[in-house]
């Protein structure tokens, strides 16, 4: 069996609280194989975004191990995590004083090894890759729609051609049309670039559209980790309320009518 792209073992996440300590994750295990699109799903406070930040190396767990591309995540961070992991933050996190093209080019420019002409060319390629025209290059983030902000942030996350992409609520705040367009873009990129994707989202349409596997966080652990069919069959109050309520049934029914989606229910 191939070594996982992401391998999390016996992870403990503990935060200080007024009562002493608050345990978020306890002996959490999760592995993600190359080429998968894994959605992390859970209620508020289950540490989904925290887990993304730990995979990226921005936060450190109290105990346990996270290996990315076969190396401890701390070692990967020392080597320059941006070359291995792309991150799309929930609000885009664009630099407000930079143009669109400057935002996309930022990780390459920080390396200080490539000529400006090559950096600009690479950034322009990524701009077009996410479905934006060249006339967007000189716009400021304040001039962009919510959907455009997400696309620019995605282009920046991919500027180093990382094999692993982390998404934190990629369709949050978008209207249905923009959300559907972003999902279609992500699906095409996953197919054409062979990306491995780890995604935190509450949006059921996005989960059913893109996921090859769903990992549900509850009770401080990953309680079920499998296909949509396996998750829906798992007996747990959160699974029932989240996936089998009216919204979940509607999203699943819509998915059955789409023959080209990643997961079939």
Foldseek 3Di string as FASTA:
>chain_A
DDDFQKWWFQFWAWDQDPVGIDTQAGGATDTHHFLFAEEEAEDPSNCQVVVVCVQLVNDPTPDTFMAHPRHTNVVCVVVPSLLAEFEQDQQLPFDQVDALLCRLLVVVVVVVPDDPVVSSVLSQVLCVLLPHDPVRRGHGPVPDDSLSSLSSSVSSSCSSPHQEYEYEASCPPHDPVSSVSNLVSVQVCSVPSSHYYYYYHLQLLSCQQAGQKYFYGDPNYRPDIGAPVRLCPDDDVVSCVRQVPPNNVVSLVVSCVDPPGNHHD
